[in-house]
Amino acid sequence: MVPGWLIITLVLLGIMIFLFRSANQVYLLSLVKNNFFYYFMIALFAFLAISFTRLYVLHDLDFTSYAGFLDAMKVYGIWLKGVFVNLGRVTGYAVNQEWIPSNVTNMTR
């Protein structure tokens, strides 16, 4: 049995490949600009579907009862909080790096 998230990902990848192959770049950029909301909603739905499926498999969640649904939402909320905390740590680490060495002098003189 093929997981649902894999099918969704392959279909979306196929659609994107078709769009990139069949249209020139200017048309594609205007297509994305005019339909950004729909692409964002599809990406958000795909993210939610993949993450819910992953947590369902890892934590053996029960969606048949209200209490099981609340437990699943608690696990998902904790997982989502961890994603944002890790994103903040990575961003903070990147900001604190010395991207331009301080011993480099101006070479334009």
PDB file of N, CA and C in Angstrom:
ATOM      1  N   MET A   1       0.844  -1.182   0.000  1.00  0.00           N
ATOM      2  CA  MET A   1       0.000   0.000   0.000  1.00  0.00           C
ATOM      3  C   MET A   1       0.886   1.241   0.000  1.00  0.00           C
ATOM      4  N   VAL A   2       0.632   2.137  -0.922  1.00  0.00           N
ATOM      5  CA  VAL A   2       1.414   3.361  -1.055  1.00  0.00           C
ATOM      6  C   VAL A   2       0.800   4.424  -0.156  1.00  0.00           C
ATOM      7  N   PRO A   3       1.618   5.118   0.673  1.00  0.00           N
ATOM      8  CA  PRO A   3       1.083   6.166   1.558  1.00  0.00           C
ATOM      9  C   PRO A   3       0.482   7.320   0.759  1.00  0.00           C
ATOM     10  N   GLY A   4      -0.542   7.921   1.340  1.00  0.00           N
ATOM     11  CA  GLY A   4      -1.231   9.021   0.681  1.00  0.00           C
ATOM     12  C   GLY A   4      -0.344  10.225   0.446  1.00  0.00           C
ATOM     13  N   TRP A   5       0.542  10.526   1.396  1.00  0.00           N
ATOM     14  CA  TRP A   5       1.404  11.691   1.236  1.00  0.00           C
ATOM     15  C   TRP A   5       2.354  11.528   0.064  1.00  0.00           C
ATOM     16  N   LEU A   6       2.759  10.276  -0.213  1.00  0.00           N
ATOM     17  CA  LEU A   6       3.652  10.034  -1.346  1.00  0.00           C
ATOM     18  C   LEU A   6       2.921  10.267  -2.663  1.00  0.00           C
ATOM     19  N   ILE A   7       1.678   9.835  -2.738  1.00  0.00           N
ATOM     20  CA  ILE A   7       0.884  10.040  -3.951  1.00  0.00           C
ATOM     21  C   ILE A   7       0.659  11.529  -4.187  1.00  0.00           C
ATOM     22  N   ILE A   8       0.298  12.260  -3.136  1.00  0.00           N
ATOM     23  CA  ILE A   8       0.066  13.700  -3.260  1.00  0.00           C
ATOM     24  C   ILE A   8       1.333  14.414  -3.708  1.00  0.00           C
ATOM     25  N   THR A   9       2.461  14.050  -3.112  1.00  0.00           N
ATOM     26  CA  THR A   9       3.737  14.679  -3.470  1.00  0.00           C
ATOM     27  C   THR A   9       4.102  14.398  -4.919  1.00  0.00           C
ATOM     28  N   LEU A  10       3.930  13.161  -5.368  1.00  0.00           N
ATOM     29  CA  LEU A  10       4.257  12.819  -6.751  1.00  0.00           C
ATOM     30  C   LEU A  10       3.338  13.525  -7.746  1.00  0.00           C
ATOM     31  N   VAL A  11       2.060  13.650  -7.412  1.00  0.00           N
ATOM     32  CA  VAL A  11       1.131  14.358  -8.296  1.00  0.00           C
ATOM     33  C   VAL A  11       1.510  15.835  -8.389  1.00  0.00           C
ATOM     34  N   LEU A  12       1.784  16.467  -7.249  1.00  0.00           N
ATOM     35  CA  LEU A  12       2.190  17.878  -7.261  1.00  0.00           C
ATOM     36  C   LEU A  12       3.503  18.077  -8.010  1.00  0.00           C
ATOM     37  N   LEU A  13       4.439  17.167  -7.833  1.00  0.00           N
ATOM     38  CA  LEU A  13       5.712  17.243  -8.560  1.00  0.00           C
ATOM     39  C   LEU A  13       5.486  17.102 -10.061  1.00  0.00           C
ATOM     40  N   GLY A  14       4.610  16.194 -10.455  1.00  0.00           N
ATOM     41  CA  GLY A  14       4.289  16.025 -11.869  1.00  0.00           C
ATOM     42  C   GLY A  14       3.650  17.263 -12.463  1.00  0.00           C
ATOM     43  N   ILE A  15       2.746  17.885 -11.719  1.00  0.00           N
ATOM     44  CA  ILE A  15       2.115  19.113 -12.196  1.00  0.00           C
ATOM     45  C   ILE A  15       3.148  20.220 -12.364  1.00  0.00           C
ATOM     46  N   MET A  16       4.045  20.362 -11.388  1.00  0.00           N
ATOM     47  CA  MET A  16       5.071  21.406 -11.485  1.00  0.00           C
ATOM     48  C   MET A  16       6.011  21.159 -12.657  1.00  0.00           C
ATOM     49  N   ILE A  17       6.409  19.908 -12.872  1.00  0.00           N
ATOM     50  CA  ILE A  17       7.280  19.593 -14.015  1.00  0.00           C
ATOM     51  C   ILE A  17       6.567  19.916 -15.317  1.00  0.00           C
ATOM     52  N   PHE A  18       5.276  19.566 -15.416  1.00  0.00           N
ATOM     53  CA  PHE A  18       4.508  19.877 -16.614  1.00  0.00           C
ATOM     54  C   PHE A  18       4.448  21.380 -16.859  1.00  0.00           C
ATOM     55  N   LEU A  19       4.205  22.158 -15.795  1.00  0.00           N
ATOM     56  CA  LEU A  19       4.132  23.607 -15.955  1.00  0.00           C
ATOM     57  C   LEU A  19       5.473  24.191 -16.379  1.00  0.00           C
ATOM     58  N   PHE A  20       6.565  23.713 -15.789  1.00  0.00           N
ATOM     59  CA  PHE A  20       7.876  24.241 -16.146  1.00  0.00           C
ATOM     60  C   PHE A  20       8.262  23.865 -17.568  1.00  0.00           C
ATOM     61  N   ARG A  21       7.863  22.695 -18.025  1.00  0.00           N
ATOM     62  CA  ARG A  21       8.213  22.250 -19.373  1.00  0.00           C
ATOM     63  C   ARG A  21       7.354  22.912 -20.442  1.00  0.00           C
ATOM     64  N   SER A  22       6.103  23.213 -20.139  1.00  0.00           N
ATOM     65  CA  SER A  22       5.180  23.658 -21.173  1.00  0.00           C
ATOM     66  C   SER A  22       5.077  25.177 -21.312  1.00  0.00           C
ATOM     67  N   ALA A  23       5.575  25.917 -20.377  1.00  0.00           N
ATOM     68  CA  ALA A  23       5.397  27.370 -20.422  1.00  0.00           C
ATOM     69  C   ALA A  23       6.751  28.068 -20.347  1.00  0.00           C
ATOM     70  N   ASN A  24       6.794  29.260 -20.941  1.00  0.00           N
ATOM     71  CA  ASN A  24       8.019  30.030 -20.786  1.00  0.00           C
ATOM     72  C   ASN A  24       8.037  30.667 -19.405  1.00  0.00           C
ATOM     73  N   GLN A  25       9.164  31.200 -19.006  1.00  0.00           N
ATOM     74  CA  GLN A  25       9.336  31.659 -17.629  1.00  0.00           C
ATOM     75  C   GLN A  25       8.473  32.868 -17.301  1.00  0.00           C
ATOM     76  N   VAL A  26       8.290  33.780 -18.237  1.00  0.00           N
ATOM     77  CA  VAL A  26       7.498  34.971 -17.961  1.00  0.00           C
ATOM     78  C   VAL A  26       6.051  34.569 -17.704  1.00  0.00           C
ATOM     79  N   TYR A  27       5.516  33.676 -18.536  1.00  0.00           N
ATOM     80  CA  TYR A  27       4.152  33.223 -18.343  1.00  0.00           C
ATOM     81  C   TYR A  27       4.016  32.474 -17.022  1.00  0.00           C
ATOM     82  N   LEU A  28       5.006  31.662 -16.693  1.00  0.00           N
ATOM     83  CA  LEU A  28       4.959  30.892 -15.456  1.00  0.00           C
ATOM     84  C   LEU A  28       4.998  31.807 -14.239  1.00  0.00           C
ATOM     85  N   LEU A  29       5.843  32.831 -14.268  1.00  0.00           N
ATOM     86  CA  LEU A  29       5.904  33.764 -13.142  1.00  0.00           C
ATOM     87  C   LEU A  29       4.599  34.531 -12.980  1.00  0.00           C
ATOM     88  N   SER A  30       3.986  34.947 -14.079  1.00  0.00           N
ATOM     89  CA  SER A  30       2.706  35.643 -13.961  1.00  0.00           C
ATOM     90  C   SER A  30       1.611  34.684 -13.505  1.00  0.00           C
ATOM     91  N   LEU A  31       1.700  33.423 -13.896  1.00  0.00           N
ATOM     92  CA  LEU A  31       0.737  32.423 -13.440  1.00  0.00           C
ATOM     93  C   LEU A  31       0.843  32.225 -11.929  1.00  0.00           C
ATOM     94  N   VAL A  32       2.078  32.127 -11.421  1.00  0.00           N
ATOM     95  CA  VAL A  32       2.283  31.973  -9.985  1.00  0.00           C
ATOM     96  C   VAL A  32       1.828  33.230  -9.245  1.00  0.00           C
ATOM     97  N   LYS A  33       2.138  34.394  -9.793  1.00  0.00           N
ATOM     98  CA  LYS A  33       1.748  35.649  -9.150  1.00  0.00           C
ATOM     99  C   LYS A  33       0.230  35.788  -9.080  1.00  0.00           C
ATOM    100  N   ASN A  34      -0.460  35.447 -10.136  1.00  0.00           N
ATOM    101  CA  ASN A  34      -1.911  35.604 -10.169  1.00  0.00           C
ATOM    102  C   ASN A  34      -2.640  34.549  -9.333  1.00  0.00           C
ATOM    103  N   ASN A  35      -2.029  33.389  -9.125  1.00  0.00           N
ATOM    104  CA  ASN A  35      -2.676  32.304  -8.396  1.00  0.00           C
ATOM    105  C   ASN A  35      -1.904  31.913  -7.146  1.00  0.00           C
ATOM    106  N   PHE A  36      -1.207  32.875  -6.541  1.00  0.00           N
ATOM    107  CA  PHE A  36      -0.375  32.578  -5.381  1.00  0.00           C
ATOM    108  C   PHE A  36      -1.181  31.992  -4.239  1.00  0.00           C
ATOM    109  N   PHE A  37      -2.380  32.499  -3.996  1.00  0.00           N
ATOM    110  CA  PHE A  37      -3.210  32.004  -2.897  1.00  0.00           C
ATOM    111  C   PHE A  37      -3.488  30.520  -3.053  1.00  0.00           C
ATOM    112  N   TYR A  38      -3.813  30.094  -4.264  1.00  0.00           N
ATOM    113  CA  TYR A  38      -4.128  28.689  -4.491  1.00  0.00           C
ATOM    114  C   TYR A  38      -2.895  27.807  -4.304  1.00  0.00           C
ATOM    115  N   TYR A  39      -1.744  28.260  -4.798  1.00  0.00           N
ATOM    116  CA  TYR A  39      -0.515  27.486  -4.605  1.00  0.00           C
ATOM    117  C   TYR A  39      -0.148  27.420  -3.131  1.00  0.00           C
ATOM    118  N   PHE A  40      -0.341  28.514  -2.419  1.00  0.00           N
ATOM    119  CA  PHE A  40      -0.053  28.528  -0.987  1.00  0.00           C
ATOM    120  C   PHE A  40      -0.965  27.556  -0.250  1.00  0.00           C
ATOM    121  N   MET A  41      -2.246  27.550  -0.600  1.00  0.00           N
ATOM    122  CA  MET A  41      -3.193  26.643   0.061  1.00  0.00           C
ATOM    123  C   MET A  41      -2.868  25.183  -0.251  1.00  0.00           C
ATOM    124  N   ILE A  42      -2.453  24.885  -1.478  1.00  0.00           N
ATOM    125  CA  ILE A  42      -2.072  23.515  -1.831  1.00  0.00           C
ATOM    126  C   ILE A  42      -0.836  23.101  -1.047  1.00  0.00           C
ATOM    127  N   ALA A  43       0.155  23.997  -0.949  1.00  0.00           N
ATOM    128  CA  ALA A  43       1.371  23.685  -0.192  1.00  0.00           C
ATOM    129  C   ALA A  43       1.047  23.504   1.291  1.00  0.00           C
ATOM    130  N   LEU A  44       0.169  24.346   1.833  1.00  0.00           N
ATOM    131  CA  LEU A  44      -0.222  24.223   3.234  1.00  0.00           C
ATOM    132  C   LEU A  44      -0.960  22.910   3.478  1.00  0.00           C
ATOM    133  N   PHE A  45      -1.871  22.553   2.590  1.00  0.00           N
ATOM    134  CA  PHE A  45      -2.598  21.293   2.718  1.00  0.00           C
ATOM    135  C   PHE A  45      -1.647  20.099   2.627  1.00  0.00           C
ATOM    136  N   ALA A  46      -0.690  20.161   1.701  1.00  0.00           N
ATOM    137  CA  ALA A  46       0.275  19.072   1.573  1.00  0.00           C
ATOM    138  C   ALA A  46       1.123  18.951   2.842  1.00  0.00           C
ATOM    139  N   PHE A  47       1.564  20.090   3.400  1.00  0.00           N
ATOM    140  CA  PHE A  47       2.341  20.069   4.638  1.00  0.00           C
ATOM    141  C   PHE A  47       1.537  19.456   5.778  1.00  0.00           C
ATOM    142  N   LEU A  48       0.276  19.889   5.916  1.00  0.00           N
ATOM    143  CA  LEU A  48      -0.565  19.349   6.986  1.00  0.00           C
ATOM    144  C   LEU A  48      -0.824  17.859   6.797  1.00  0.00           C
ATOM    145  N   ALA A  49      -1.083  17.434   5.566  1.00  0.00           N
ATOM    146  CA  ALA A  49      -1.355  16.017   5.305  1.00  0.00           C
ATOM    147  C   ALA A  49      -0.133  15.162   5.615  1.00  0.00           C
ATOM    148  N   ILE A  50       1.030  15.621   5.190  1.00  0.00           N
ATOM    149  CA  ILE A  50       2.260  14.849   5.431  1.00  0.00           C
ATOM    150  C   ILE A  50       2.587  14.819   6.914  1.00  0.00           C
ATOM    151  N   SER A  51       2.460  15.960   7.591  1.00  0.00           N
ATOM    152  CA  SER A  51       2.815  15.993   9.011  1.00  0.00           C
ATOM    153  C   SER A  51       1.821  15.194   9.854  1.00  0.00           C
ATOM    154  N   PHE A  52       0.518  15.289   9.557  1.00  0.00           N
ATOM    155  CA  PHE A  52      -0.459  14.488  10.298  1.00  0.00           C
ATOM    156  C   PHE A  52      -0.237  13.001  10.070  1.00  0.00           C
ATOM    157  N   THR A  53       0.061  12.615   8.829  1.00  0.00           N
ATOM    158  CA  THR A  53       0.314  11.201   8.536  1.00  0.00           C
ATOM    159  C   THR A  53       1.542  10.708   9.276  1.00  0.00           C
ATOM    160  N   ARG A  54       2.573  11.509   9.287  1.00  0.00           N
ATOM    161  CA  ARG A  54       3.817  11.131   9.969  1.00  0.00           C
ATOM    162  C   ARG A  54       3.584  10.963  11.476  1.00  0.00           C
ATOM    163  N   LEU A  55       2.885  11.905  12.087  1.00  0.00           N
ATOM    164  CA  LEU A  55       2.617  11.800  13.517  1.00  0.00           C
ATOM    165  C   LEU A  55       1.656  10.656  13.833  1.00  0.00           C
ATOM    166  N   TYR A  56       0.723  10.386  12.938  1.00  0.00           N
ATOM    167  CA  TYR A  56      -0.205   9.273  13.131  1.00  0.00           C
ATOM    168  C   TYR A  56       0.546   7.946  13.170  1.00  0.00           C
ATOM    169  N   VAL A  57       1.517   7.808  12.286  1.00  0.00           N
ATOM    170  CA  VAL A  57       2.292   6.567  12.235  1.00  0.00           C
ATOM    171  C   VAL A  57       3.232   6.461  13.435  1.00  0.00           C
ATOM    172  N   LEU A  58       3.894   7.548  13.796  1.00  0.00           N
ATOM    173  CA  LEU A  58       4.879   7.506  14.878  1.00  0.00           C
ATOM    174  C   LEU A  58       4.254   7.308  16.253  1.00  0.00           C
ATOM    175  N   HIS A  59       3.124   7.951  16.507  1.00  0.00           N
ATOM    176  CA  HIS A  59       2.548   7.957  17.851  1.00  0.00           C
ATOM    177  C   HIS A  59       1.306   7.090  17.993  1.00  0.00           C
ATOM    178  N   ASP A  60       0.920   6.383  16.933  1.00  0.00           N
ATOM    179  CA  ASP A  60      -0.241   5.493  16.957  1.00  0.00           C
ATOM    180  C   ASP A  60      -1.458   6.223  17.539  1.00  0.00           C
ATOM    181  N   LEU A  61      -1.823   7.317  16.900  1.00  0.00           N
ATOM    182  CA  LEU A  61      -2.908   8.168  17.376  1.00  0.00           C
ATOM    183  C   LEU A  61      -4.268   7.566  17.028  1.00  0.00           C
ATOM    184  N   ASP A  62      -5.286   7.901  17.843  1.00  0.00           N
ATOM    185  CA  ASP A  62      -6.639   7.389  17.662  1.00  0.00           C
ATOM    186  C   ASP A  62      -7.571   8.548  17.329  1.00  0.00           C
ATOM    187  N   PHE A  63      -8.107   8.553  16.095  1.00  0.00           N
ATOM    188  CA  PHE A  63      -9.007   9.623  15.671  1.00  0.00           C
ATOM    189  C   PHE A  63     -10.474   9.225  15.768  1.00  0.00           C
ATOM    190  N   THR A  64     -10.781   8.065  16.341  1.00  0.00           N
ATOM    191  CA  THR A  64     -12.163   7.597  16.389  1.00  0.00           C
ATOM    192  C   THR A  64     -12.949   8.180  17.561  1.00  0.00           C
ATOM    193  N   SER A  65     -12.270   8.737  18.540  1.00  0.00           N
ATOM    194  CA  SER A  65     -12.972   9.321  19.688  1.00  0.00           C
ATOM    195  C   SER A  65     -12.543  10.778  19.869  1.00  0.00           C
ATOM    196  N   TYR A  66     -13.350  11.515  20.591  1.00  0.00           N
ATOM    197  CA  TYR A  66     -13.036  12.923  20.845  1.00  0.00           C
ATOM    198  C   TYR A  66     -11.776  13.065  21.682  1.00  0.00           C
ATOM    199  N   ALA A  67     -11.616  12.201  22.683  1.00  0.00           N
ATOM    200  CA  ALA A  67     -10.414  12.250  23.533  1.00  0.00           C
ATOM    201  C   ALA A  67      -9.167  11.925  22.713  1.00  0.00           C
ATOM    202  N   GLY A  68      -9.275  10.965  21.813  1.00  0.00           N
ATOM    203  CA  GLY A  68      -8.150  10.628  20.947  1.00  0.00           C
ATOM    204  C   GLY A  68      -7.802  11.765  20.014  1.00  0.00           C
ATOM    205  N   PHE A  69      -8.833  12.464  19.515  1.00  0.00           N
ATOM    206  CA  PHE A  69      -8.605  13.614  18.651  1.00  0.00           C
ATOM    207  C   PHE A  69      -7.911  14.737  19.414  1.00  0.00           C
ATOM    208  N   LEU A  70      -8.317  14.973  20.664  1.00  0.00           N
ATOM    209  CA  LEU A  70      -7.658  16.000  21.476  1.00  0.00           C
ATOM    210  C   LEU A  70      -6.207  15.631  21.765  1.00  0.00           C
ATOM    211  N   ASP A  71      -5.956  14.351  22.041  1.00  0.00           N
ATOM    212  CA  ASP A  71      -4.573  13.902  22.246  1.00  0.00           C
ATOM    213  C   ASP A  71      -3.743  14.116  20.980  1.00  0.00           C
ATOM    214  N   ALA A  72      -4.338  13.828  19.832  1.00  0.00           N
ATOM    215  CA  ALA A  72      -3.630  14.022  18.562  1.00  0.00           C
ATOM    216  C   ALA A  72      -3.314  15.496  18.339  1.00  0.00           C
ATOM    217  N   MET A  73      -4.262  16.380  18.666  1.00  0.00           N
ATOM    218  CA  MET A  73      -4.018  17.814  18.499  1.00  0.00           C
ATOM    219  C   MET A  73      -2.935  18.298  19.458  1.00  0.00           C
ATOM    220  N   LYS A  74      -2.880  17.724  20.668  1.00  0.00           N
ATOM    221  CA  LYS A  74      -1.847  18.084  21.624  1.00  0.00           C
ATOM    222  C   LYS A  74      -0.469  17.671  21.100  1.00  0.00           C
ATOM    223  N   VAL A  75      -0.376  16.437  20.577  1.00  0.00           N
ATOM    224  CA  VAL A  75       0.895  15.959  20.020  1.00  0.00           C
ATOM    225  C   VAL A  75       1.294  16.812  18.827  1.00  0.00           C
ATOM    226  N   TYR A  76       0.313  17.137  17.961  1.00  0.00           N
ATOM    227  CA  TYR A  76       0.625  17.951  16.785  1.00  0.00           C
ATOM    228  C   TYR A  76       1.064  19.355  17.190  1.00  0.00           C
ATOM    229  N   GLY A  77       0.420  19.937  18.197  1.00  0.00           N
ATOM    230  CA  GLY A  77       0.808  21.265  18.663  1.00  0.00           C
ATOM    231  C   GLY A  77       2.218  21.282  19.234  1.00  0.00           C
ATOM    232  N   ILE A  78       2.555  20.259  20.003  1.00  0.00           N
ATOM    233  CA  ILE A  78       3.913  20.164  20.558  1.00  0.00           C
ATOM    234  C   ILE A  78       4.929  19.999  19.432  1.00  0.00           C
ATOM    235  N   TRP A  79       4.583  19.167  18.437  1.00  0.00           N
ATOM    236  CA  TRP A  79       5.487  18.956  17.304  1.00  0.00           C
ATOM    237  C   TRP A  79       5.662  20.252  16.517  1.00  0.00           C
ATOM    238  N   LEU A  80       4.561  20.971  16.260  1.00  0.00           N
ATOM    239  CA  LEU A  80       4.632  22.213  15.501  1.00  0.00           C
ATOM    240  C   LEU A  80       5.418  23.276  16.261  1.00  0.00           C
ATOM    241  N   LYS A  81       5.264  23.322  17.586  1.00  0.00           N
ATOM    242  CA  LYS A  81       6.046  24.252  18.406  1.00  0.00           C
ATOM    243  C   LYS A  81       7.533  23.935  18.278  1.00  0.00           C
ATOM    244  N   GLY A  82       7.885  22.652  18.283  1.00  0.00           N
ATOM    245  CA  GLY A  82       9.277  22.249  18.114  1.00  0.00           C
ATOM    246  C   GLY A  82       9.836  22.669  16.761  1.00  0.00           C
ATOM    247  N   VAL A  83       9.009  22.602  15.710  1.00  0.00           N
ATOM    248  CA  VAL A  83       9.446  23.037  14.378  1.00  0.00           C
ATOM    249  C   VAL A  83       9.793  24.520  14.408  1.00  0.00           C
ATOM    250  N   PHE A  84       8.920  25.334  15.008  1.00  0.00           N
ATOM    251  CA  PHE A  84       9.172  26.778  15.047  1.00  0.00           C
ATOM    252  C   PHE A  84      10.344  27.135  15.958  1.00  0.00           C
ATOM    253  N   VAL A  85      10.519  26.418  17.057  1.00  0.00           N
ATOM    254  CA  VAL A  85      11.662  26.668  17.941  1.00  0.00           C
ATOM    255  C   VAL A  85      12.963  26.349  17.209  1.00  0.00           C
ATOM    256  N   ASN A  86      12.997  25.227  16.499  1.00  0.00           N
ATOM    257  CA  ASN A  86      14.199  24.871  15.752  1.00  0.00           C
ATOM    258  C   ASN A  86      14.467  25.858  14.623  1.00  0.00           C
ATOM    259  N   LEU A  87      13.415  26.336  13.967  1.00  0.00           N
ATOM    260  CA  LEU A  87      13.579  27.340  12.924  1.00  0.00           C
ATOM    261  C   LEU A  87      14.163  28.629  13.504  1.00  0.00           C
ATOM    262  N   GLY A  88      13.704  29.011  14.687  1.00  0.00           N
ATOM    263  CA  GLY A  88      14.248  30.196  15.350  1.00  0.00           C
ATOM    264  C   GLY A  88      15.708  30.021  15.738  1.00  0.00           C
ATOM    265  N   ARG A  89      16.069  28.831  16.202  1.00  0.00           N
ATOM    266  CA  ARG A  89      17.468  28.572  16.563  1.00  0.00           C
ATOM    267  C   ARG A  89      18.379  28.637  15.344  1.00  0.00           C
ATOM    268  N   VAL A  90      17.944  28.051  14.240  1.00  0.00           N
ATOM    269  CA  VAL A  90      18.750  28.070  13.020  1.00  0.00           C
ATOM    270  C   VAL A  90      18.893  29.495  12.515  1.00  0.00           C
ATOM    271  N   THR A  91      17.806  30.264  12.543  1.00  0.00           N
ATOM    272  CA  THR A  91      17.864  31.655  12.101  1.00  0.00           C
ATOM    273  C   THR A  91      18.783  32.476  12.998  1.00  0.00           C
ATOM    274  N   GLY A  92      18.690  32.295  14.303  1.00  0.00           N
ATOM    275  CA  GLY A  92      19.565  33.006  15.235  1.00  0.00           C
ATOM    276  C   GLY A  92      21.019  32.640  15.039  1.00  0.00           C
ATOM    277  N   TYR A  93      21.294  31.367  14.775  1.00  0.00           N
ATOM    278  CA  TYR A  93      22.667  30.934  14.530  1.00  0.00           C
ATOM    279  C   TYR A  93      23.202  31.584  13.261  1.00  0.00           C
ATOM    280  N   ALA A  94      22.375  31.642  12.210  1.00  0.00           N
ATOM    281  CA  ALA A  94      22.819  32.247  10.952  1.00  0.00           C
ATOM    282  C   ALA A  94      23.056  33.740  11.105  1.00  0.00           C
ATOM    283  N   VAL A  95      22.231  34.410  11.897  1.00  0.00           N
ATOM    284  CA  VAL A  95      22.397  35.852  12.102  1.00  0.00           C
ATOM    285  C   VAL A  95      23.678  36.142  12.866  1.00  0.00           C
ATOM    286  N   ASN A  96      24.053  35.291  13.808  1.00  0.00           N
ATOM    287  CA  ASN A  96      25.231  35.533  14.638  1.00  0.00           C
ATOM    288  C   ASN A  96      26.545  35.151  13.976  1.00  0.00           C
ATOM    289  N   GLN A  97      26.509  34.581  12.782  1.00  0.00           N
ATOM    290  CA  GLN A  97      27.741  34.213  12.102  1.00  0.00           C
ATOM    291  C   GLN A  97      28.439  35.452  11.546  1.00  0.00           C
ATOM    292  N   GLU A  98      29.751  35.368  11.459  1.00  0.00           N
ATOM    293  CA  GLU A  98      30.533  36.460  10.890  1.00  0.00           C
ATOM    294  C   GLU A  98      30.681  36.177   9.396  1.00  0.00           C
ATOM    295  N   TRP A  99      29.756  36.694   8.604  1.00  0.00           N
ATOM    296  CA  TRP A  99      29.714  36.396   7.184  1.00  0.00           C
ATOM    297  C   TRP A  99      30.796  37.141   6.420  1.00  0.00           C
ATOM    298  N   ILE A 100      31.159  38.321   6.889  1.00  0.00           N
ATOM    299  CA  ILE A 100      32.236  39.082   6.268  1.00  0.00           C
ATOM    300  C   ILE A 100      33.332  39.205   7.314  1.00  0.00           C
ATOM    301  N   PRO A 101      34.491  38.629   7.049  1.00  0.00           N
ATOM    302  CA  PRO A 101      35.569  38.687   8.047  1.00  0.00           C
ATOM    303  C   PRO A 101      35.946  40.134   8.364  1.00  0.00           C
ATOM    304  N   SER A 102      36.251  40.392   9.638  1.00  0.00           N
ATOM    305  CA  SER A 102      36.553  41.753  10.064  1.00  0.00           C
ATOM    306  C   SER A 102      37.957  42.203   9.640  1.00  0.00           C
ATOM    307  N   ASN A 103      38.823  41.276   9.265  1.00  0.00           N
ATOM    308  CA  ASN A 103      40.177  41.657   8.886  1.00  0.00           C
ATOM    309  C   ASN A 103      40.292  41.972   7.393  1.00  0.00           C
ATOM    310  N   VAL A 104      39.211  41.950   6.652  1.00  0.00           N
ATOM    311  CA  VAL A 104      39.237  42.283   5.224  1.00  0.00           C
ATOM    312  C   VAL A 104      39.158  43.790   5.089  1.00  0.00           C
ATOM    313  N   THR A 105      40.075  44.344   4.314  1.00  0.00           N
ATOM    314  CA  THR A 105      40.078  45.796   4.087  1.00  0.00           C
ATOM    315  C   THR A 105      39.386  46.090   2.765  1.00  0.00           C
ATOM    316  N   ASN A 106      39.084  47.351   2.564  1.00  0.00           N
ATOM    317  CA  ASN A 106      38.423  47.777   1.341  1.00  0.00           C
ATOM    318  C   ASN A 106      39.416  47.677   0.193  1.00  0.00           C
ATOM    319  N   MET A 107      39.113  46.869  -0.815  1.00  0.00           N
ATOM    320  CA  MET A 107      40.045  46.609  -1.914  1.00  0.00           C
ATOM    321  C   MET A 107      39.858  47.585  -3.072  1.00  0.00           C
ATOM    322  N   THR A 108      38.964  48.555  -2.977  1.00  0.00           N
ATOM    323  CA  THR A 108      38.706  49.458  -4.102  1.00  0.00           C
ATOM    324  C   THR A 108      39.668  50.624  -4.163  1.00  0.00           C
ATOM    325  N   ARG A 109      40.505  50.831  -3.175  1.00  0.00           N
ATOM    326  CA  ARG A 109      41.453  51.964  -3.177  1.00  0.00           C
ATOM    327  C   ARG A 109      42.653  51.702  -4.004  1.00  0.00           C
TER     328      ARG A 109
END
